[in-house]
Amino acid sequence: MTSVTMGPAEPVIPHHFETKPQHNECNILGMWLFLAQEIMFFGGLFTAYAVYRFKYPDAWEAGSAELNRAIGTGNTIVLLVSSLTMALSVYFAQTDQFKKLVASFSLTMVFGAIFLIVKAFEYHEKYTHGLIPGAWWDPIHPPEIDDPSKMQLFFIMYFIMTGMHAFHMVIGLIIAAVMMIMMLKRKFGPNKYMPVEMFGFYWHFVDIVWVFLFPMVYLI
């Protein structure tokens, strides 16, 4: 019985590359350059958050106390598990295990969707508690600090930082959906796994951002 491979029999090399390793190295370099600018973007947000955290410690402590740490912890676990399934997806693509590739990649998408659904419920909770900065600001439990209005600044930073992270998750799921369609058509395999690996870079980066975001916002 002849085996059915997932990808093309021979590596597909664009005409402007001499070898497949050269092509792969270019893809990896391009992805790292993209992630570098993403690091600078989130690094600016983290820096602004830290500056205001030291400038208004009472307001930051009061704001953080309003967050649901159980939900944040649960979502952290969900993302860490999704990184594991993403890493397995790359391995299964490299080793020509089609069914396991589809299963692990599907789980990655499911975990990503769970994260966003939970985050939506968390945002709604902030709305019902009157913790949306601006016209909707009306905390049901006003903080006992010198200037309660400063807590709005905490939630402005909270929604910007977690919102941008959630936006990256949405983009990731859209890309993953397109890749899943290609995957079901057996476009990826041992000779063409680099797109799966590059998407894995992006997914792990988004997860790492949350690993830093969670303790900064929820715990410290």
C-alpha atoms as a PDB file:
ATOM      1  CA  MET A   1       0.000   0.000   0.000  1.00  0.00           C
ATOM      2  CA  THR A   2       1.398   3.373  -0.949  1.00  0.00           C
ATOM      3  CA  SER A   3       1.380   6.163   1.623  1.00  0.00           C
ATOM      4  CA  VAL A   4      -0.264   9.492   0.942  1.00  0.00           C
ATOM      5  CA  THR A   5       1.885  12.486   1.824  1.00  0.00           C
ATOM      6  CA  MET A   6       0.437  15.744   3.032  1.00  0.00           C
ATOM      7  CA  GLY A   7       2.528  18.049   0.930  1.00  0.00           C
ATOM      8  CA  PRO A   8       4.261  18.143  -2.448  1.00  0.00           C
ATOM      9  CA  ALA A   9       6.766  15.387  -3.187  1.00  0.00           C
ATOM     10  CA  GLU A  10       9.623  17.852  -3.634  1.00  0.00           C
ATOM     11  CA  PRO A  11      10.253  21.086  -1.726  1.00  0.00           C
ATOM     12  CA  VAL A  12       8.845  24.089  -3.555  1.00  0.00           C
ATOM     13  CA  ILE A  13      11.532  26.789  -3.782  1.00  0.00           C
ATOM     14  CA  PRO A  14      10.711  30.252  -5.184  1.00  0.00           C
ATOM     15  CA  HIS A  15      12.904  31.185  -8.129  1.00  0.00           C
ATOM     16  CA  HIS A  16      14.768  33.911  -6.212  1.00  0.00           C
ATOM     17  CA  PHE A  17      16.170  31.404  -3.681  1.00  0.00           C
ATOM     18  CA  GLU A  18      18.930  28.919  -4.398  1.00  0.00           C
ATOM     19  CA  THR A  19      18.125  26.312  -1.746  1.00  0.00           C
ATOM     20  CA  LYS A  20      15.294  25.369   0.598  1.00  0.00           C
ATOM     21  CA  PRO A  21      17.351  26.148   3.752  1.00  0.00           C
ATOM     22  CA  GLN A  22      18.018  29.624   2.368  1.00  0.00           C
ATOM     23  CA  HIS A  23      14.299  30.072   1.788  1.00  0.00           C
ATOM     24  CA  ASN A  24      13.521  28.928   5.344  1.00  0.00           C
ATOM     25  CA  GLU A  25      16.131  31.232   6.866  1.00  0.00           C
ATOM     26  CA  CYS A  26      14.606  34.186   5.007  1.00  0.00           C
ATOM     27  CA  ASN A  27      11.150  33.310   6.326  1.00  0.00           C
ATOM     28  CA  ILE A  28      12.436  33.058   9.891  1.00  0.00           C
ATOM     29  CA  LEU A  29      14.316  36.366   9.619  1.00  0.00           C
ATOM     30  CA  GLY A  30      11.239  38.101   8.260  1.00  0.00           C
ATOM     31  CA  MET A  31       9.095  36.776  11.084  1.00  0.00           C
ATOM     32  CA  TRP A  32      11.618  37.867  13.723  1.00  0.00           C
ATOM     33  CA  LEU A  33      11.691  41.368  12.219  1.00  0.00           C
ATOM     34  CA  PHE A  34       7.899  41.479  12.386  1.00  0.00           C
ATOM     35  CA  LEU A  35       7.912  40.282  15.998  1.00  0.00           C
ATOM     36  CA  ALA A  36      10.591  42.862  16.855  1.00  0.00           C
ATOM     37  CA  GLN A  37       8.289  45.734  15.915  1.00  0.00           C
ATOM     38  CA  GLU A  38       5.476  44.039  17.857  1.00  0.00           C
ATOM     39  CA  ILE A  39       7.761  43.871  20.896  1.00  0.00           C
ATOM     40  CA  MET A  40       8.461  47.602  20.580  1.00  0.00           C
ATOM     41  CA  PHE A  41       4.719  48.303  20.356  1.00  0.00           C
ATOM     42  CA  PHE A  42       3.788  46.324  23.457  1.00  0.00           C
ATOM     43  CA  GLY A  43       6.973  47.463  25.180  1.00  0.00           C
ATOM     44  CA  GLY A  44       5.745  51.055  24.898  1.00  0.00           C
ATOM     45  CA  LEU A  45       2.425  50.101  26.473  1.00  0.00           C
ATOM     46  CA  PHE A  46       4.143  48.217  29.292  1.00  0.00           C
ATOM     47  CA  THR A  47       6.430  51.196  29.929  1.00  0.00           C
ATOM     48  CA  ALA A  48       3.522  53.646  30.098  1.00  0.00           C
ATOM     49  CA  TYR A  49       1.671  51.303  32.449  1.00  0.00           C
ATOM     50  CA  ALA A  50       4.716  51.001  34.734  1.00  0.00           C
ATOM     51  CA  VAL A  51       5.251  54.780  34.858  1.00  0.00           C
ATOM     52  CA  TYR A  52       1.654  55.453  35.890  1.00  0.00           C
ATOM     53  CA  ARG A  53       1.791  52.502  38.291  1.00  0.00           C
ATOM     54  CA  PHE A  54       4.605  54.170  40.239  1.00  0.00           C
ATOM     55  CA  LYS A  55       3.022  57.619  39.944  1.00  0.00           C
ATOM     56  CA  TYR A  56      -0.427  56.590  41.238  1.00  0.00           C
ATOM     57  CA  PRO A  57       0.150  53.444  43.348  1.00  0.00           C
ATOM     58  CA  ASP A  58      -3.084  53.796  45.356  1.00  0.00           C
ATOM     59  CA  ALA A  59      -5.262  54.137  42.261  1.00  0.00           C
ATOM     60  CA  TRP A  60      -3.478  51.223  40.585  1.00  0.00           C
ATOM     61  CA  GLU A  61      -3.951  49.008  43.637  1.00  0.00           C
ATOM     62  CA  ALA A  62      -7.648  49.904  43.834  1.00  0.00           C
ATOM     63  CA  GLY A  63      -8.111  49.258  40.112  1.00  0.00           C
ATOM     64  CA  SER A  64      -6.307  45.924  40.163  1.00  0.00           C
ATOM     65  CA  ALA A  65      -8.455  44.821  43.110  1.00  0.00           C
ATOM     66  CA  GLU A  66     -11.513  45.167  40.856  1.00  0.00           C
ATOM     67  CA  LEU A  67     -10.190  42.590  38.394  1.00  0.00           C
ATOM     68  CA  ASN A  68     -11.246  38.962  38.508  1.00  0.00           C
ATOM     69  CA  ARG A  69      -8.018  37.086  39.193  1.00  0.00           C
ATOM     70  CA  ALA A  70      -9.690  33.687  38.860  1.00  0.00           C
ATOM     71  CA  ILE A  71     -10.751  34.519  35.293  1.00  0.00           C
ATOM     72  CA  GLY A  72      -7.299  35.903  34.516  1.00  0.00           C
ATOM     73  CA  THR A  73      -5.625  32.770  35.880  1.00  0.00           C
ATOM     74  CA  GLY A  74      -7.968  30.508  33.933  1.00  0.00           C
ATOM     75  CA  ASN A  75      -7.313  32.369  30.705  1.00  0.00           C
ATOM     76  CA  THR A  76      -3.567  32.162  31.343  1.00  0.00           C
ATOM     77  CA  ILE A  77      -3.810  28.370  31.619  1.00  0.00           C
ATOM     78  CA  VAL A  78      -5.883  28.256  28.423  1.00  0.00           C
ATOM     79  CA  LEU A  79      -3.236  30.172  26.481  1.00  0.00           C
ATOM     80  CA  LEU A  80      -0.359  28.108  27.861  1.00  0.00           C
ATOM     81  CA  VAL A  81      -2.120  24.914  26.772  1.00  0.00           C
ATOM     82  CA  SER A  82      -2.776  26.460  23.350  1.00  0.00           C
ATOM     83  CA  SER A  83       0.973  27.055  22.990  1.00  0.00           C
ATOM     84  CA  LEU A  84       1.532  23.361  23.639  1.00  0.00           C
ATOM     85  CA  THR A  85      -0.989  22.300  20.993  1.00  0.00           C
ATOM     86  CA  MET A  86       0.545  24.826  18.567  1.00  0.00           C
ATOM     87  CA  ALA A  87       4.016  23.372  19.106  1.00  0.00           C
ATOM     88  CA  LEU A  88       2.603  19.891  18.528  1.00  0.00           C
ATOM     89  CA  SER A  89       1.013  21.107  15.297  1.00  0.00           C
ATOM     90  CA  VAL A  90       4.417  22.124  13.961  1.00  0.00           C
ATOM     91  CA  TYR A  91       5.865  18.759  14.943  1.00  0.00           C
ATOM     92  CA  PHE A  92       3.015  16.833  13.321  1.00  0.00           C
ATOM     93  CA  ALA A  93       3.391  18.854  10.125  1.00  0.00           C
ATOM     94  CA  GLN A  94       7.114  18.086  10.022  1.00  0.00           C
ATOM     95  CA  THR A  95       6.567  14.370  10.623  1.00  0.00           C
ATOM     96  CA  ASP A  96       3.673  13.888   8.176  1.00  0.00           C
ATOM     97  CA  GLN A  97       0.990  13.045  10.749  1.00  0.00           C
ATOM     98  CA  PHE A  98      -2.044  14.571   9.078  1.00  0.00           C
ATOM     99  CA  LYS A  99      -4.809  13.585  11.502  1.00  0.00           C
ATOM    100  CA  LYS A 100      -2.824  14.653  14.555  1.00  0.00           C
ATOM    101  CA  LEU A 101      -1.909  17.914  12.835  1.00  0.00           C
ATOM    102  CA  VAL A 102      -5.556  18.763  12.172  1.00  0.00           C
ATOM    103  CA  ALA A 103      -6.558  17.756  15.711  1.00  0.00           C
ATOM    104  CA  SER A 104      -3.857  19.747  17.489  1.00  0.00           C
ATOM    105  CA  PHE A 105      -4.320  22.797  15.256  1.00  0.00           C
ATOM    106  CA  SER A 106      -8.079  22.648  15.847  1.00  0.00           C
ATOM    107  CA  LEU A 107      -7.496  22.544  19.596  1.00  0.00           C
ATOM    108  CA  THR A 108      -5.268  25.603  19.302  1.00  0.00           C
ATOM    109  CA  MET A 109      -8.099  27.473  17.607  1.00  0.00           C
ATOM    110  CA  VAL A 110     -10.621  26.264  20.196  1.00  0.00           C
ATOM    111  CA  PHE A 111      -8.430  27.447  23.085  1.00  0.00           C
ATOM    112  CA  GLY A 112      -7.971  30.809  21.378  1.00  0.00           C
ATOM    113  CA  ALA A 113     -11.737  31.159  20.959  1.00  0.00           C
ATOM    114  CA  ILE A 114     -12.296  30.209  24.619  1.00  0.00           C
ATOM    115  CA  PHE A 115      -9.871  32.937  25.678  1.00  0.00           C
ATOM    116  CA  LEU A 116     -11.749  35.581  23.683  1.00  0.00           C
ATOM    117  CA  ILE A 117     -15.172  34.440  24.927  1.00  0.00           C
ATOM    118  CA  VAL A 118     -14.006  34.572  28.543  1.00  0.00           C
ATOM    119  CA  LYS A 119     -12.451  37.994  27.942  1.00  0.00           C
ATOM    120  CA  ALA A 120     -15.775  39.230  26.524  1.00  0.00           C
ATOM    121  CA  PHE A 121     -17.572  38.109  29.694  1.00  0.00           C
ATOM    122  CA  GLU A 122     -14.902  39.855  31.757  1.00  0.00           C
ATOM    123  CA  TYR A 123     -15.380  43.096  29.804  1.00  0.00           C
ATOM    124  CA  HIS A 124     -19.138  42.832  30.355  1.00  0.00           C
ATOM    125  CA  GLU A 125     -18.526  42.424  34.070  1.00  0.00           C
ATOM    126  CA  LYS A 126     -16.564  45.678  34.088  1.00  0.00           C
ATOM    127  CA  TYR A 127     -19.470  47.359  32.294  1.00  0.00           C
ATOM    128  CA  THR A 128     -22.019  46.165  34.865  1.00  0.00           C
ATOM    129  CA  HIS A 129     -19.734  47.356  37.674  1.00  0.00           C
ATOM    130  CA  GLY A 130     -19.486  50.828  36.123  1.00  0.00           C
ATOM    131  CA  LEU A 131     -15.772  50.518  35.411  1.00  0.00           C
ATOM    132  CA  ILE A 132     -15.754  51.680  31.781  1.00  0.00           C
ATOM    133  CA  PRO A 133     -13.772  54.961  31.594  1.00  0.00           C
ATOM    134  CA  GLY A 134     -15.575  58.002  30.288  1.00  0.00           C
ATOM    135  CA  ALA A 135     -19.331  58.539  30.163  1.00  0.00           C
ATOM    136  CA  TRP A 136     -20.017  55.039  31.573  1.00  0.00           C
ATOM    137  CA  TRP A 137     -17.749  55.490  34.604  1.00  0.00           C
ATOM    138  CA  ASP A 138     -19.818  54.877  37.756  1.00  0.00           C
ATOM    139  CA  PRO A 139     -18.129  52.340  40.094  1.00  0.00           C
ATOM    140  CA  ILE A 140     -20.550  50.439  42.295  1.00  0.00           C
ATOM    141  CA  HIS A 141     -17.776  50.264  44.894  1.00  0.00           C
ATOM    142  CA  PRO A 142     -15.936  53.638  44.796  1.00  0.00           C
ATOM    143  CA  PRO A 143     -12.344  53.220  46.012  1.00  0.00           C
ATOM    144  CA  GLU A 144     -11.332  54.809  49.317  1.00  0.00           C
ATOM    145  CA  ILE A 145      -8.402  56.787  47.944  1.00  0.00           C
ATOM    146  CA  ASP A 146      -7.546  60.496  47.797  1.00  0.00           C
ATOM    147  CA  ASP A 147      -8.510  60.900  44.130  1.00  0.00           C
ATOM    148  CA  PRO A 148     -10.871  58.136  42.929  1.00  0.00           C
ATOM    149  CA  SER A 149     -10.883  59.554  39.400  1.00  0.00           C
ATOM    150  CA  LYS A 150      -7.286  58.403  38.958  1.00  0.00           C
ATOM    151  CA  MET A 151      -8.569  54.834  38.897  1.00  0.00           C
ATOM    152  CA  GLN A 152     -10.034  55.634  35.478  1.00  0.00           C
ATOM    153  CA  LEU A 153      -6.483  55.902  34.175  1.00  0.00           C
ATOM    154  CA  PHE A 154      -5.811  52.362  35.348  1.00  0.00           C
ATOM    155  CA  PHE A 155      -8.799  51.049  33.412  1.00  0.00           C
ATOM    156  CA  ILE A 156      -7.871  53.086  30.337  1.00  0.00           C
ATOM    157  CA  MET A 157      -4.517  51.291  30.341  1.00  0.00           C
ATOM    158  CA  TYR A 158      -6.226  47.990  31.158  1.00  0.00           C
ATOM    159  CA  PHE A 159      -8.613  48.168  28.208  1.00  0.00           C
ATOM    160  CA  ILE A 160      -5.936  49.392  25.784  1.00  0.00           C
ATOM    161  CA  MET A 161      -3.454  46.679  26.723  1.00  0.00           C
ATOM    162  CA  THR A 162      -5.854  43.754  27.014  1.00  0.00           C
ATOM    163  CA  GLY A 163      -7.845  45.037  24.038  1.00  0.00           C
ATOM    164  CA  MET A 164      -4.783  45.135  21.785  1.00  0.00           C
ATOM    165  CA  HIS A 165      -3.846  41.656  22.961  1.00  0.00           C
ATOM    166  CA  ALA A 166      -7.362  40.402  22.191  1.00  0.00           C
ATOM    167  CA  PHE A 167      -7.151  42.079  18.765  1.00  0.00           C
ATOM    168  CA  HIS A 168      -3.978  40.109  18.030  1.00  0.00           C
ATOM    169  CA  MET A 169      -5.796  36.956  19.107  1.00  0.00           C
ATOM    170  CA  VAL A 170      -8.643  37.712  16.678  1.00  0.00           C
ATOM    171  CA  ILE A 171      -6.158  38.251  13.835  1.00  0.00           C
ATOM    172  CA  GLY A 172      -4.472  34.991  14.810  1.00  0.00           C
ATOM    173  CA  LEU A 173      -7.743  33.069  14.656  1.00  0.00           C
ATOM    174  CA  ILE A 174      -8.570  34.519  11.240  1.00  0.00           C
ATOM    175  CA  ILE A 175      -5.183  33.438   9.910  1.00  0.00           C
ATOM    176  CA  ALA A 176      -5.615  30.047  11.586  1.00  0.00           C
ATOM    177  CA  ALA A 177      -8.994  29.574   9.880  1.00  0.00           C
ATOM    178  CA  VAL A 178      -7.418  30.203   6.469  1.00  0.00           C
ATOM    179  CA  MET A 179      -4.573  27.836   7.305  1.00  0.00           C
ATOM    180  CA  MET A 180      -7.035  25.174   8.449  1.00  0.00           C
ATOM    181  CA  ILE A 181      -8.720  25.268   5.032  1.00  0.00           C
ATOM    182  CA  MET A 182      -5.312  24.825   3.390  1.00  0.00           C
ATOM    183  CA  MET A 183      -4.466  22.104   5.903  1.00  0.00           C
ATOM    184  CA  LEU A 184      -7.564  20.101   5.034  1.00  0.00           C
ATOM    185  CA  LYS A 185      -6.487  20.306   1.405  1.00  0.00           C
ATOM    186  CA  ARG A 186      -3.154  18.786   2.503  1.00  0.00           C
ATOM    187  CA  LYS A 187      -1.128  21.814   1.540  1.00  0.00           C
ATOM    188  CA  PHE A 188       1.290  21.315   4.437  1.00  0.00           C
ATOM    189  CA  GLY A 189       3.646  18.460   5.155  1.00  0.00           C
ATOM    190  CA  PRO A 190       7.311  17.539   5.680  1.00  0.00           C
ATOM    191  CA  ASN A 191       8.300  19.457   2.541  1.00  0.00           C
ATOM    192  CA  LYS A 192       6.151  22.471   3.333  1.00  0.00           C
ATOM    193  CA  TYR A 193       5.726  23.054   7.055  1.00  0.00           C
ATOM    194  CA  MET A 194       7.265  26.528   7.298  1.00  0.00           C
ATOM    195  CA  PRO A 195       3.885  28.389   7.175  1.00  0.00           C
ATOM    196  CA  VAL A 196       2.718  26.354  10.174  1.00  0.00           C
ATOM    197  CA  GLU A 197       5.956  27.068  12.026  1.00  0.00           C
ATOM    198  CA  MET A 198       5.844  30.796  11.258  1.00  0.00           C
ATOM    199  CA  PHE A 199       2.254  30.999  12.481  1.00  0.00           C
ATOM    200  CA  GLY A 200       3.460  29.189  15.588  1.00  0.00           C
ATOM    201  CA  PHE A 201       5.984  31.996  16.153  1.00  0.00           C
ATOM    202  CA  TYR A 202       3.156  34.523  16.058  1.00  0.00           C
ATOM    203  CA  TRP A 203       0.915  32.465  18.335  1.00  0.00           C
ATOM    204  CA  HIS A 204       3.658  31.931  20.921  1.00  0.00           C
ATOM    205  CA  PHE A 205       4.435  35.653  20.861  1.00  0.00           C
ATOM    206  CA  VAL A 206       0.826  36.558  21.618  1.00  0.00           C
ATOM    207  CA  ASP A 207       0.838  34.032  24.469  1.00  0.00           C
ATOM    208  CA  ILE A 208       4.094  35.439  25.867  1.00  0.00           C
ATOM    209  CA  VAL A 209       2.627  38.950  25.827  1.00  0.00           C
ATOM    210  CA  TRP A 210      -0.206  37.685  28.030  1.00  0.00           C
ATOM    211  CA  VAL A 211       2.271  35.952  30.359  1.00  0.00           C
ATOM    212  CA  PHE A 212       3.766  39.397  31.059  1.00  0.00           C
ATOM    213  CA  LEU A 213       0.425  41.198  30.952  1.00  0.00           C
ATOM    214  CA  PHE A 214      -1.327  38.964  33.479  1.00  0.00           C
ATOM    215  CA  PRO A 215       0.977  39.547  36.492  1.00  0.00           C
ATOM    216  CA  MET A 216       1.439  43.252  35.698  1.00  0.00           C
ATOM    217  CA  VAL A 217      -2.280  43.991  35.578  1.00  0.00           C
ATOM    218  CA  TYR A 218      -3.862  41.360  37.824  1.00  0.00           C
ATOM    219  CA  LEU A 219      -1.259  40.545  40.455  1.00  0.00           C
ATOM    220  CA  ILE A 220       1.251  43.369  41.020  1.00  0.00           C
END
